[in-house]
């Protein structure tokens, strides 16, 4: 409602209603096994409806590990 006016309603057949706790809960359930897909030193930080994945790069080997983990996550997401 803006200045006392409302828009018409629309039917939504998919998704989770905005403003509910369900969105975050379903996200966490969906990515619950994500940390198992990466190397032990790779950090995963889920938050609300997003996830950060990182590894501190100190050598070329670290770069290879992070790339391998990112590739594993792409494959996980496709599955």
Protein backbone atom coordinates (compact mmCIF):
# COMPACT_ATOMS: atom_id res chain seq x y z
CA UNK A 1 0.00 0.00 0.00
CA UNK A 2 1.37 3.38 -1.03
CA UNK A 3 -0.58 6.56 -0.26
CA UNK A 4 -3.65 4.45 0.48
CA UNK A 5 -3.56 2.71 -2.91
CA UNK A 6 -3.03 -1.00 -3.43
CA UNK A 7 -2.20 -3.00 -6.51
CA UNK A 8 -4.23 -5.92 -7.79
CA UNK A 9 -3.41 -9.39 -6.52
CA UNK A 10 -1.72 -12.03 -8.65
CA UNK A 11 -1.70 -15.80 -8.30
CA UNK A 12 1.74 -17.27 -7.54
CA UNK A 13 2.10 -21.01 -8.08
CA UNK A 14 5.68 -21.48 -6.93
CA UNK A 15 8.28 -20.18 -4.53
CA UNK A 16 8.08 -19.23 -0.87
CA UNK A 17 6.09 -16.22 0.34
CA UNK A 18 8.27 -13.19 1.04
CA UNK A 19 8.69 -12.19 4.66
CA UNK A 20 8.44 -15.72 6.03
CA UNK A 21 11.00 -17.79 7.86
CA UNK A 22 10.37 -20.65 5.41
CA UNK A 23 12.68 -19.20 2.75
CA UNK A 24 15.71 -19.32 5.04
CA UNK A 25 14.74 -22.70 6.48
CA UNK A 26 14.28 -24.29 3.07
CA UNK A 27 17.58 -22.77 1.88
CA UNK A 28 19.45 -24.23 4.86
CA UNK A 29 17.86 -27.64 4.33
CA UNK A 30 18.76 -27.53 0.64
CA UNK A 31 22.43 -26.67 1.21
CA UNK A 32 22.86 -28.75 4.37
CA UNK A 33 25.38 -31.05 2.65
CA UNK A 34 27.29 -28.27 0.84
CA UNK A 35 30.24 -28.21 3.32
CA UNK A 36 30.80 -31.91 2.62
CA UNK A 37 31.51 -31.09 -1.04
CA UNK A 38 34.64 -29.01 -0.39
CA UNK A 39 38.11 -29.65 1.04
CA UNK A 40 38.55 -29.52 4.83
CA UNK A 41 40.32 -26.14 4.72
CA UNK A 42 37.72 -24.45 2.52
CA UNK A 43 35.42 -22.19 4.55
CA UNK A 44 31.67 -22.17 3.86
CA UNK A 45 29.48 -19.50 5.45
CA UNK A 46 25.74 -19.86 4.79
CA UNK A 47 23.68 -16.77 5.58
CA UNK A 48 19.95 -16.23 5.06
CA UNK A 49 19.55 -17.23 1.40
CA UNK A 50 23.18 -17.04 0.29
CA UNK A 51 26.47 -18.83 0.93
CA UNK A 52 30.05 -17.64 0.86
CA UNK A 53 32.84 -20.10 0.03
CA UNK A 54 36.47 -19.13 0.34
CA UNK A 55 40.03 -20.28 0.83
CA UNK A 56 43.04 -18.11 1.65
CA UNK A 57 45.43 -18.34 -1.29
CA UNK A 58 49.07 -18.51 -0.20
CA UNK A 59 50.43 -20.70 -2.98
CA UNK A 60 49.66 -22.17 -6.38
CA UNK A 61 48.50 -25.34 -4.61
CA UNK A 62 45.88 -23.31 -2.72
CA UNK A 63 44.59 -21.98 -6.02
CA UNK A 64 44.26 -25.52 -7.37
CA UNK A 65 42.38 -26.65 -4.24
CA UNK A 66 39.93 -23.76 -4.43
CA UNK A 67 39.30 -24.36 -8.13
CA UNK A 68 38.70 -28.06 -7.47
CA UNK A 69 36.23 -27.13 -4.72
CA UNK A 70 34.42 -24.64 -6.96
CA UNK A 71 34.14 -27.28 -9.67
CA UNK A 72 32.76 -29.75 -7.13
CA UNK A 73 30.18 -27.17 -6.05
CA UNK A 74 29.11 -26.59 -9.65
CA UNK A 75 28.60 -30.32 -10.07
CA UNK A 76 26.72 -30.48 -6.74
CA UNK A 77 24.43 -27.64 -7.83
CA UNK A 78 23.72 -29.33 -11.18
CA UNK A 79 22.87 -32.62 -9.42
